[in-house]
Protein backbone atom coordinates (compact mmCIF):
# COMPACT_ATOMS: atom_id res chain seq x y z
CA MET A 1 15.96 -109.82 -114.75
CA CYS A 2 12.69 -109.71 -113.06
CA VAL A 3 10.60 -112.99 -112.70
CA ASP A 4 6.73 -113.37 -111.83
CA LEU A 5 5.72 -115.88 -109.41
CA ASP A 6 2.18 -117.28 -109.91
CA GLY A 7 1.90 -119.31 -112.82
CA THR A 8 5.55 -118.46 -113.86
CA LEU A 9 8.24 -119.51 -111.47
CA VAL A 10 5.55 -121.60 -109.71
CA LYS A 11 3.07 -123.41 -111.94
CA SER A 12 0.02 -122.88 -109.42
CA ASP A 13 -1.56 -119.69 -108.20
CA THR A 14 -0.50 -119.18 -104.58
CA LEU A 15 -3.53 -117.25 -103.74
CA HIS A 16 -5.76 -120.04 -105.01
CA ASP A 17 -3.72 -122.55 -102.86
CA SER A 18 -3.89 -120.51 -99.61
CA LEU A 19 -7.87 -120.31 -100.03
CA LEU A 20 -7.96 -124.03 -100.69
CA ALA A 21 -5.58 -124.71 -97.51
CA LEU A 22 -7.84 -122.06 -95.55
CA MET A 23 -10.81 -124.07 -96.61
CA ARG A 24 -9.57 -127.25 -95.33
CA ASN A 25 -7.86 -125.90 -91.98
CA HIS A 26 -10.10 -123.14 -90.88
CA PRO A 27 -13.20 -123.47 -92.87
CA LEU A 28 -15.48 -121.13 -90.56
CA GLN A 29 -13.18 -118.35 -91.64
CA LEU A 30 -14.50 -118.41 -95.31
CA LEU A 31 -17.55 -116.71 -93.85
CA GLY A 32 -15.77 -113.52 -93.44
CA LEU A 33 -14.07 -113.41 -96.90
CA PRO A 34 -16.50 -111.50 -98.68
CA GLY A 35 -16.13 -108.42 -96.11
CA ARG A 36 -12.21 -108.78 -96.66
CA VAL A 37 -12.47 -108.67 -100.73
CA LEU A 38 -14.54 -105.13 -100.13
CA ARG A 39 -11.27 -104.01 -98.55
CA GLY A 40 -9.41 -104.38 -101.80
CA LYS A 41 -7.31 -107.31 -103.35
CA ALA A 42 -4.04 -106.01 -101.76
CA ALA A 43 -5.37 -106.17 -98.45
CA PHE A 44 -7.42 -109.34 -99.20
CA LYS A 45 -4.00 -111.02 -99.92
CA SER A 46 -2.42 -109.51 -96.98
CA PHE A 47 -5.06 -111.19 -94.88
CA ILE A 48 -4.87 -114.60 -96.47
CA ALA A 49 -0.93 -114.56 -96.11
CA THR A 50 -1.31 -114.08 -92.38
CA GLN A 51 -3.81 -117.05 -91.97
CA VAL A 52 -2.17 -119.45 -94.16
CA ILE A 53 1.46 -120.02 -94.26
CA LEU A 54 2.38 -121.96 -97.49
CA ASP A 55 5.21 -124.51 -97.70
CA VAL A 56 7.48 -122.61 -99.99
CA ALA A 57 10.00 -125.59 -100.10
CA HIS A 58 7.17 -127.91 -101.70
CA LEU A 59 5.63 -125.40 -104.16
CA PRO A 60 5.30 -126.72 -107.80
CA TYR A 61 8.15 -124.76 -109.27
CA ASN A 62 8.74 -124.67 -113.06
CA GLN A 63 11.78 -126.68 -113.07
CA GLU A 64 13.05 -125.59 -116.66
CA LEU A 65 12.73 -122.01 -115.60
CA LEU A 66 14.28 -122.63 -112.11
CA GLU A 67 17.49 -124.31 -113.74
CA PHE A 68 17.80 -121.30 -116.24
CA LEU A 69 17.61 -118.76 -113.04
CA CYS A 70 20.17 -120.99 -111.21
CA GLN A 71 22.39 -120.61 -114.18
CA GLU A 72 22.10 -116.86 -114.56
CA HIS A 73 22.60 -116.34 -110.95
CA GLY A 74 25.75 -118.47 -111.19
CA ARG A 75 26.88 -115.92 -113.90
CA GLY A 76 26.50 -113.11 -111.44
CA ARG A 77 23.18 -111.61 -112.91
CA ASP A 78 20.81 -109.76 -110.55
CA LEU A 79 17.47 -111.54 -110.41
CA TYR A 80 14.52 -110.12 -108.67
CA LEU A 81 11.26 -111.86 -107.80
CA ALA A 82 8.17 -109.38 -108.88
CA THR A 83 4.81 -110.63 -108.00
CA GLY A 84 1.42 -109.73 -107.19
CA ALA A 85 1.43 -112.12 -104.24
CA ASP A 86 1.79 -110.54 -100.87
CA GLU A 87 5.38 -109.47 -100.08
CA SER A 88 5.57 -111.86 -96.93
CA LEU A 89 5.28 -114.81 -99.37
CA ALA A 90 7.65 -113.28 -102.04
CA ARG A 91 10.00 -112.76 -99.12
CA ARG A 92 9.91 -116.52 -97.95
CA VAL A 93 9.98 -117.90 -101.54
CA ALA A 94 13.12 -115.73 -102.29
CA GLU A 95 14.80 -116.68 -99.04
CA HIS A 96 14.14 -120.31 -99.75
CA LEU A 97 15.68 -120.33 -103.32
CA GLY A 98 18.35 -118.09 -102.47
CA ILE A 99 18.88 -116.72 -105.80
CA PHE A 100 17.29 -113.37 -105.81
CA ARG A 101 18.85 -109.97 -105.14
CA GLY A 102 15.51 -108.76 -104.05
CA PHE A 103 11.64 -109.05 -104.24
CA LEU A 104 8.62 -106.84 -104.82
CA GLY A 105 5.25 -107.88 -103.94
CA SER A 106 1.81 -106.64 -102.78
CA ASN A 107 1.83 -104.75 -99.62
CA GLY A 108 -1.50 -104.55 -98.39
CA VAL A 109 -2.46 -101.33 -100.04
CA THR A 110 -0.95 -101.65 -103.52
CA ASN A 111 -1.91 -104.72 -105.57
CA LEU A 112 1.38 -105.36 -107.61
CA THR A 113 -0.13 -106.53 -110.87
CA GLY A 114 -0.10 -105.12 -114.35
CA GLY A 115 0.62 -101.25 -114.46
CA ASN A 116 1.10 -101.11 -110.79
CA LYS A 117 4.01 -103.68 -111.25
CA LEU A 118 5.12 -101.99 -114.42
CA ASP A 119 5.45 -98.50 -112.60
CA ALA A 120 7.44 -100.23 -109.76
CA LEU A 121 9.92 -101.67 -112.01
CA ARG A 122 10.36 -98.62 -113.95
CA GLN A 123 11.06 -96.61 -111.03
CA ARG A 124 13.37 -98.97 -109.37
CA PHE A 125 15.43 -100.08 -112.41
CA ALA A 126 15.20 -96.76 -114.47
CA PRO A 127 17.33 -95.88 -116.81
CA ALA A 128 18.88 -99.38 -117.49
CA GLY A 129 15.60 -101.05 -117.69
CA PHE A 130 14.66 -104.64 -117.18
CA ASP A 131 13.89 -108.05 -118.63
CA TYR A 132 10.83 -109.95 -117.51
CA ILE A 133 9.37 -113.20 -117.61
CA GLY A 134 5.59 -113.74 -117.15
CA ASN A 135 2.90 -116.06 -118.08
CA ASP A 136 -0.53 -114.34 -118.36
CA LEU A 137 -2.43 -111.38 -119.70
CA PRO A 138 -1.54 -109.04 -116.72
CA ASP A 139 2.09 -109.38 -117.60
CA LEU A 140 1.54 -108.08 -121.22
CA PRO A 141 2.40 -104.57 -120.38
CA LEU A 142 5.67 -105.54 -118.72
CA LEU A 143 6.68 -107.85 -121.39
CA ALA A 144 6.08 -104.99 -123.96
CA ALA A 145 8.19 -102.84 -121.83
CA ALA A 146 10.88 -105.35 -121.18
CA GLY A 147 14.19 -105.33 -122.93
CA GLU A 148 14.11 -108.95 -123.35
CA PRO A 149 10.63 -110.61 -123.03
CA MET A 150 10.32 -114.25 -121.84
CA VAL A 151 7.35 -116.32 -120.84
CA ALA A 152 6.99 -119.65 -118.97
CA ASN A 153 3.94 -121.75 -119.41
CA PRO A 154 2.08 -118.84 -121.19
CA THR A 155 -1.88 -118.96 -121.50
CA LEU A 156 -3.40 -118.98 -124.78
CA ARG A 157 -4.69 -115.42 -124.29
CA LEU A 158 -1.21 -114.13 -123.63
CA ARG A 159 0.25 -116.05 -126.85
CA ALA A 160 -2.65 -114.21 -128.87
CA ARG A 161 -2.17 -110.95 -127.40
CA LEU A 162 1.73 -111.04 -127.90
CA SER A 163 1.25 -112.28 -131.49
CA GLY A 164 -1.01 -109.61 -132.16
CA ARG A 165 1.23 -106.94 -130.98
CA GLY A 166 4.22 -108.44 -132.87
CA ILE A 167 6.18 -109.28 -129.53
CA ARG A 168 8.30 -112.55 -130.10
CA PRO A 169 9.43 -113.96 -126.37
CA ALA A 170 13.15 -114.41 -126.43
CA ARG A 171 12.57 -117.73 -124.54
CA GLN A 172 10.13 -120.02 -123.37
CA PHE A 173 10.10 -122.29 -120.37
CA LEU A 174 7.63 -125.05 -120.69
CA ASP A 175 6.80 -127.34 -117.72
CA ARG A 176 3.41 -128.76 -117.89
CA LYS A 177 1.95 -132.03 -118.90
CA SER A 178 -0.74 -132.02 -121.59
CA THR A 179 -4.13 -130.88 -120.46
CA LEU A 180 -6.07 -133.66 -121.53
CA PRO A 181 -4.09 -136.90 -119.77
CA SER A 182 -3.94 -134.49 -116.66
CA LEU A 183 -7.89 -134.15 -116.73
CA PHE A 184 -8.37 -138.06 -117.00
CA ASN A 185 -5.72 -138.50 -114.21
CA ALA A 186 -7.66 -135.89 -112.14
CA VAL A 187 -10.82 -137.54 -112.23
CA ARG A 188 -9.38 -140.94 -111.65
CA ILE A 189 -11.02 -142.71 -114.28
CA HIS A 190 -9.12 -146.13 -113.21
CA GLN A 191 -11.02 -145.66 -109.76
CA TRP A 192 -14.27 -146.14 -111.49
CA ALA A 193 -13.69 -149.90 -111.35
CA LYS A 194 -14.49 -149.76 -107.67
CA ASN A 195 -18.10 -148.84 -108.73
CA LEU A 196 -18.59 -151.91 -110.41
CA LEU A 197 -19.52 -153.23 -106.84
CA ILE A 198 -22.86 -151.64 -107.87
CA PHE A 199 -23.67 -154.76 -109.89
CA ILE A 200 -22.97 -157.13 -106.87
CA PRO A 201 -26.36 -157.47 -105.43
CA LEU A 202 -27.94 -157.93 -108.90
CA LEU A 203 -25.11 -160.73 -109.82
CA CYS A 204 -25.61 -162.31 -106.37
CA SER A 205 -29.50 -162.64 -106.76
CA HIS A 206 -29.23 -164.68 -110.20
CA ALA A 207 -32.15 -162.57 -111.28
CA LEU A 208 -30.78 -160.71 -114.19
CA SER A 209 -32.93 -158.98 -116.62
CA VAL A 210 -32.43 -156.32 -119.25
CA THR A 211 -34.11 -153.60 -117.41
CA LYS A 212 -32.17 -154.25 -114.17
CA LEU A 213 -29.00 -154.24 -115.96
CA LEU A 214 -29.68 -151.08 -117.61
CA ALA A 215 -30.74 -149.52 -114.28
CA ALA A 216 -27.51 -150.93 -112.69
CA ALA A 217 -25.56 -149.45 -115.78
CA ALA A 218 -27.08 -146.05 -115.08
CA ALA A 219 -26.40 -146.15 -111.50
CA PHE A 220 -22.83 -147.02 -112.20
CA PHE A 221 -22.30 -143.90 -114.36
CA CYS A 222 -23.95 -141.62 -112.06
CA PHE A 223 -21.84 -142.77 -109.08
CA SER A 224 -18.74 -142.70 -110.87
CA LEU A 225 -19.36 -139.10 -112.03
CA THR A 226 -20.10 -138.12 -108.41
CA ALA A 227 -17.13 -140.05 -107.18
CA SER A 228 -15.00 -138.14 -109.55
CA GLY A 229 -16.32 -134.96 -108.25
CA ALA A 230 -15.61 -135.91 -104.62
CA TYR A 231 -12.00 -137.06 -105.75
CA LEU A 232 -11.41 -133.51 -107.22
CA VAL A 233 -12.55 -132.03 -104.08
CA ASN A 234 -10.42 -134.23 -102.07
CA ASP A 235 -6.99 -133.50 -104.32
CA LEU A 236 -7.89 -129.68 -103.99
CA LEU A 237 -8.21 -129.65 -100.36
CA ASP A 238 -5.11 -131.88 -99.91
CA MET A 239 -2.76 -130.03 -102.46
CA GLU A 240 -0.29 -129.08 -99.64
CA ALA A 241 0.06 -132.45 -98.28
CA ASP A 242 0.21 -134.21 -101.51
CA ARG A 243 3.27 -131.93 -102.35
CA ARG A 244 5.26 -133.54 -99.60
CA HIS A 245 4.28 -137.06 -100.50
CA PRO A 246 6.84 -138.82 -102.83
CA HIS A 247 4.00 -140.22 -105.23
CA LYS A 248 0.99 -137.82 -104.64
CA ARG A 249 3.12 -134.76 -105.54
CA MET A 250 2.71 -135.89 -109.11
CA ARG A 251 -1.19 -135.47 -109.22
CA PRO A 252 -2.40 -132.55 -111.40
CA PHE A 253 -3.37 -129.94 -109.02
CA ALA A 254 -0.32 -130.81 -106.53
CA SER A 255 2.01 -130.54 -109.39
CA GLY A 256 0.27 -127.74 -110.89
CA ASP A 257 -0.40 -129.38 -114.27
CA LEU A 258 -4.06 -128.05 -113.66
CA SER A 259 -5.14 -125.03 -111.99
CA ALA A 260 -7.36 -124.83 -108.97
CA ALA A 261 -9.72 -122.65 -110.75
CA SER A 262 -10.31 -125.31 -113.43
CA GLY A 263 -10.51 -128.04 -110.85
CA ILE A 264 -13.31 -126.09 -108.87
CA LEU A 265 -15.21 -125.72 -112.33
CA MET A 266 -14.68 -129.60 -113.01
CA VAL A 267 -16.17 -130.26 -109.44
CA GLY A 268 -19.33 -128.45 -110.27
CA VAL A 269 -19.88 -130.08 -113.91
CA PHE A 270 -19.05 -133.64 -112.36
CA LEU A 271 -21.43 -133.20 -109.50
CA ALA A 272 -24.20 -131.91 -111.39
CA ALA A 273 -24.04 -134.74 -114.25
CA GLY A 274 -24.23 -137.40 -111.48
CA LEU A 275 -26.66 -136.08 -109.34
CA LEU A 276 -28.99 -134.82 -112.03
CA GLY A 277 -28.89 -138.21 -113.79
CA ALA A 278 -29.58 -140.04 -110.63
CA ARG A 279 -32.57 -137.68 -109.84
CA LEU A 280 -33.87 -138.19 -113.66
CA PHE A 281 -33.46 -141.96 -114.15
CA LEU A 282 -33.17 -143.67 -111.13
CA PRO A 283 -35.17 -144.40 -107.95
CA ALA A 284 -35.17 -141.88 -105.00
CA GLN A 285 -33.62 -144.14 -102.79
CA PHE A 286 -30.58 -144.56 -104.86
CA LEU A 287 -30.25 -140.69 -104.78
CA LEU A 288 -30.40 -140.81 -101.34
CA PHE A 289 -27.45 -143.24 -101.07
CA LEU A 290 -25.61 -141.18 -103.51
CA LEU A 291 -26.04 -138.16 -101.36
CA LEU A 292 -25.01 -139.85 -98.22
CA TYR A 293 -21.94 -141.10 -100.14
CA LEU A 294 -21.20 -137.56 -101.29
CA GLY A 295 -21.50 -136.21 -97.93
CA THR A 296 -19.57 -138.79 -96.14
CA THR A 297 -16.71 -138.39 -98.81
CA LEU A 298 -16.69 -134.49 -98.31
CA ALA A 299 -16.68 -135.13 -94.38
CA TYR A 300 -13.77 -137.51 -94.84
CA SER A 301 -11.83 -135.09 -97.11
CA VAL A 302 -12.27 -132.33 -94.61
CA TYR A 303 -12.12 -133.76 -91.26
CA LEU A 304 -12.70 -137.68 -90.75
CA LYS A 305 -9.58 -138.85 -92.48
CA ARG A 306 -7.54 -137.10 -89.56
CA ILE A 307 -9.12 -139.46 -86.93
CA PRO A 308 -7.27 -142.73 -86.28
CA LEU A 309 -9.65 -145.76 -86.89
CA VAL A 310 -12.53 -143.70 -87.75
CA ASP A 311 -10.95 -143.09 -91.21
CA VAL A 312 -10.73 -146.76 -92.03
CA LEU A 313 -14.27 -147.48 -90.59
CA VAL A 314 -15.37 -144.46 -92.98
CA LEU A 315 -13.52 -146.05 -96.20
CA SER A 316 -14.77 -149.57 -95.61
CA GLY A 317 -18.35 -147.80 -95.08
CA LEU A 318 -18.04 -146.17 -98.68
CA TYR A 319 -17.60 -149.42 -100.42
CA ILE A 320 -20.61 -150.83 -98.52
CA LEU A 321 -22.66 -147.78 -99.73
CA ARG A 322 -21.77 -148.81 -103.36
CA ILE A 323 -23.21 -152.07 -102.93
CA LEU A 324 -26.33 -150.52 -101.03
CA SER A 325 -26.61 -148.17 -103.93
CA GLY A 326 -26.78 -151.08 -106.45
CA SER A 327 -29.55 -152.83 -104.52
CA ALA A 328 -31.48 -149.51 -104.37
CA ALA A 329 -31.05 -148.92 -108.11
CA THR A 330 -32.20 -152.39 -109.00
CA ASP A 331 -34.55 -153.16 -106.42
CA THR A 332 -32.59 -156.37 -105.38
CA PRO A 333 -32.27 -156.83 -101.55
CA ILE A 334 -28.89 -157.93 -100.23
CA SER A 335 -28.78 -160.89 -97.81
CA HIS A 336 -27.15 -160.54 -94.40
CA TRP A 337 -24.24 -162.70 -95.70
CA LEU A 338 -23.38 -160.34 -98.14
CA ALA A 339 -23.60 -157.50 -95.93
CA GLY A 340 -21.13 -159.18 -93.25
CA PHE A 341 -18.73 -160.33 -95.63
CA SER A 342 -18.28 -157.05 -97.31
CA MET A 343 -17.97 -155.52 -94.08
CA PHE A 344 -15.15 -157.34 -92.81
CA LEU A 345 -13.51 -157.57 -96.14
CA PHE A 346 -13.61 -153.73 -97.15
CA LEU A 347 -12.50 -153.01 -93.54
CA SER A 348 -9.27 -155.23 -93.90
CA LEU A 349 -8.60 -153.39 -97.23
CA ALA A 350 -8.98 -150.06 -95.82
CA ILE A 351 -6.62 -150.72 -93.12
CA VAL A 352 -3.97 -152.39 -95.18
CA LYS A 353 -4.06 -149.06 -97.19
CA ARG A 354 -3.07 -147.08 -94.07
CA PHE A 355 -0.57 -149.87 -92.89
CA ALA A 356 1.07 -149.74 -96.33
CA GLU A 357 1.44 -145.91 -96.15
CA LEU A 358 3.08 -146.14 -92.69
CA GLU A 359 5.37 -149.08 -93.70
CA ASN A 360 6.62 -147.31 -96.66
CA LEU A 361 7.72 -144.43 -94.40
CA ARG A 362 9.14 -146.69 -91.95
CA ILE A 363 11.26 -147.88 -94.81
CA ARG A 364 12.42 -144.53 -95.94
CA ASN A 365 13.12 -143.67 -92.23
CA ALA A 366 10.50 -140.83 -92.63
CA THR A 367 8.07 -139.64 -90.23
CA PRO A 368 4.39 -139.17 -90.92
CA MET A 369 3.36 -135.80 -91.82
CA ASN A 370 0.17 -136.16 -93.70
CA GLY A 371 -2.14 -135.44 -90.63
CA ARG A 372 -3.73 -138.95 -90.65
CA GLY A 373 -3.09 -139.23 -86.81
CA TYR A 374 -1.06 -142.46 -87.13
CA VAL A 375 2.36 -142.84 -85.92
CA LEU A 376 4.94 -145.70 -86.89
CA SER A 377 4.46 -147.62 -83.46
CA ASP A 378 0.87 -148.45 -84.82
CA LEU A 379 2.26 -150.69 -87.45
CA GLU A 380 1.78 -153.90 -85.58
CA GLN A 381 -1.57 -152.95 -84.02
CA LEU A 382 -2.88 -151.99 -87.51
CA ARG A 383 -1.66 -155.47 -88.91
CA SER A 384 -3.45 -157.13 -86.17
CA PHE A 385 -6.62 -155.44 -86.83
CA GLY A 386 -6.35 -155.80 -90.66
CA THR A 387 -5.60 -159.60 -90.86
CA SER A 388 -8.14 -160.44 -88.32
CA SER A 389 -10.68 -158.74 -90.37
CA ALA A 390 -9.65 -160.52 -93.31
CA TYR A 391 -9.81 -163.97 -91.70
CA ALA A 392 -13.36 -162.72 -90.34
CA ALA A 393 -14.56 -162.18 -93.99
CA VAL A 394 -13.26 -165.68 -94.95
CA VAL A 395 -15.16 -167.18 -91.94
CA VAL A 396 -18.45 -165.52 -92.96
CA PHE A 397 -18.10 -166.79 -96.70
CA ALA A 398 -17.35 -170.11 -95.26
CA ILE A 399 -20.45 -170.29 -93.01
CA TYR A 400 -22.65 -169.14 -95.98
CA ILE A 401 -21.68 -171.82 -98.21
CA SER A 402 -22.12 -174.49 -95.83
CA GLY A 403 -25.62 -173.16 -94.95
CA SER A 404 -28.98 -174.05 -96.42
CA ASP A 405 -29.45 -170.62 -98.15
CA VAL A 406 -26.98 -171.27 -100.82
CA ALA A 407 -28.63 -174.19 -102.25
CA LYS A 408 -31.21 -171.84 -103.35
CA LEU A 409 -29.06 -170.50 -105.77
CA TYR A 410 -26.52 -173.03 -106.85
CA HIS A 411 -27.13 -176.43 -107.94
CA HIS A 412 -23.45 -177.54 -106.90
CA PRO A 413 -22.76 -175.35 -103.94
CA ARG A 414 -19.91 -177.75 -102.81
CA PHE A 415 -17.82 -176.32 -105.67
CA LEU A 416 -17.80 -172.83 -103.89
CA TRP A 417 -15.32 -174.31 -101.41
CA GLY A 418 -12.76 -173.93 -104.10
CA THR A 419 -12.99 -169.96 -103.67
CA VAL A 420 -12.09 -170.18 -100.16
CA PRO A 421 -8.24 -170.81 -100.63
CA LEU A 422 -8.33 -168.50 -103.72
CA ILE A 423 -9.79 -165.57 -101.32
CA ILE A 424 -7.15 -166.41 -98.31
CA LEU A 425 -4.50 -166.50 -100.69
CA TRP A 426 -5.24 -163.10 -102.21
CA LEU A 427 -5.65 -161.38 -98.87
CA ASN A 428 -2.65 -163.00 -97.71
CA ARG A 429 -0.74 -161.89 -100.68
CA VAL A 430 -1.80 -158.21 -100.33
CA TRP A 431 -0.88 -158.04 -96.73
CA LEU A 432 2.60 -159.96 -97.58
CA LEU A 433 3.31 -157.05 -100.13
CA ALA A 434 2.14 -154.52 -97.60
CA SER A 435 4.59 -155.71 -95.03
CA ARG A 436 7.33 -155.59 -97.46
CA GLY A 437 6.72 -152.10 -98.37
CA GLU A 438 5.74 -153.29 -101.99
CA LEU A 439 1.97 -151.93 -101.88
CA ASN A 440 2.08 -148.41 -103.12
CA GLU A 441 -1.38 -147.79 -104.01
CA ASP A 442 -5.11 -148.62 -102.87
CA PRO A 443 -5.42 -152.48 -102.78
CA VAL A 444 -8.58 -152.30 -104.97
CA ALA A 445 -6.77 -150.44 -107.61
CA PHE A 446 -3.84 -152.82 -107.28
CA ALA A 447 -5.96 -155.75 -107.71
CA LEU A 448 -7.15 -154.40 -111.20
CA THR A 449 -3.61 -154.18 -112.52
CA ASP A 450 -1.81 -156.93 -110.89
CA PRO A 451 -1.56 -159.98 -113.18
CA MET A 452 -1.71 -162.50 -110.09
CA SER A 453 -4.71 -160.62 -108.73
CA LEU A 454 -6.60 -161.00 -112.23
CA ILE A 455 -5.56 -164.46 -112.52
CA MET A 456 -7.07 -165.56 -109.21
CA GLY A 457 -10.22 -163.25 -109.97
CA VAL A 458 -10.98 -165.08 -113.01
CA ALA A 459 -10.47 -168.53 -111.36
CA VAL A 460 -13.12 -167.40 -108.59
CA VAL A 461 -15.49 -166.57 -111.52
CA ALA A 462 -14.95 -169.85 -113.08
CA VAL A 463 -15.49 -171.88 -109.98
CA ALA A 464 -18.68 -169.83 -109.42
CA LEU A 465 -19.93 -170.74 -112.72
CA LEU A 466 -19.19 -174.49 -112.08
CA ALA A 467 -21.18 -174.13 -108.78
CA VAL A 468 -24.32 -172.73 -110.74
């Protein structure tokens, strides 16, 4: 029995995975790739395989197919890995799984796909023949020639061609989530809630109008579309690291539920929609802030996230950019009080995110391997940085509500003191949960799903309305 690798045994395309890993780790090498392509696809695959060593232990294997192959191996059947991927990668996958009698792959001269693979299998297994498991159109001639054709996560075009030629697969191995839920997961619709910060300058100014609300709404959607494009880039570049993470390995690209090629297409669509909408409907200053956000996010994804402390400063800065973008979209200035409060608050939330990641690793007796630059011994220092920043935000807010500026906006400013213990309670609760290893996600996303946080949020709004 012969089994294809890309899209079949593994749900992703290992060449695409390797190119994205190369883009993240050695971006300047991308400049030389066009010349490599001209030397032929087999030579190109061989070059990429020498530059990027994929972690074969954490590839997104088709679990249903893998279980079947292990059963067949246990019965004494000869299994062969037959792939268009470079033979060095095929060898490492075969050695890792330990169920294959042999392997065939591209060798730098011959690209082992389609007719080339069929010729190689006929030459090696004649006259007995072979069974074959594939997933896409290049596998069609092999499935047609196989004694028992089987498919794993077959593409629509392969299904159509098999049906047209009257070929009925003996077995199907389906291990992929539905496309639509995976798409929504990939663009992180739930993270759009962070972009509600765009409305903060307008709400704090107490100068609401239909025109400004519409401008803020347009800014929200443009910012959200652009942010989703940036999230997609981050997930594509982080696929290998995500596959080693207990939770992030389930992300659509890391798990193989969405292909890297579809992800790149989605990046183009979302970024074009967000930036074009900003250009057509919003002030130029908003577009500048949006471009600054996009550039900073991409720099963070490629490099800045690896520098300890710089990463949390960048994360907090991205939150503040949302507020500045809202100010630009609605032509509403922000006060130095709001700027100071936001700076300390979001710095604390960025630090608690890193703290929670390290604490969860410590509880599992695991070692940080995500390239962030932090070690477990940094936990107490991060706790000190984060909690002090949280209380600095509370102090700034307390000074603001005790000053003269607040009287210009609120008729009963003394009621605002009721929000202080609520803010302290929420921040302390977030840090307490993180210290217990119970904070498993972004603290802002956590606040939007945590019932206690929502109750405290409603209480803060109620107190603010009383003060008005």
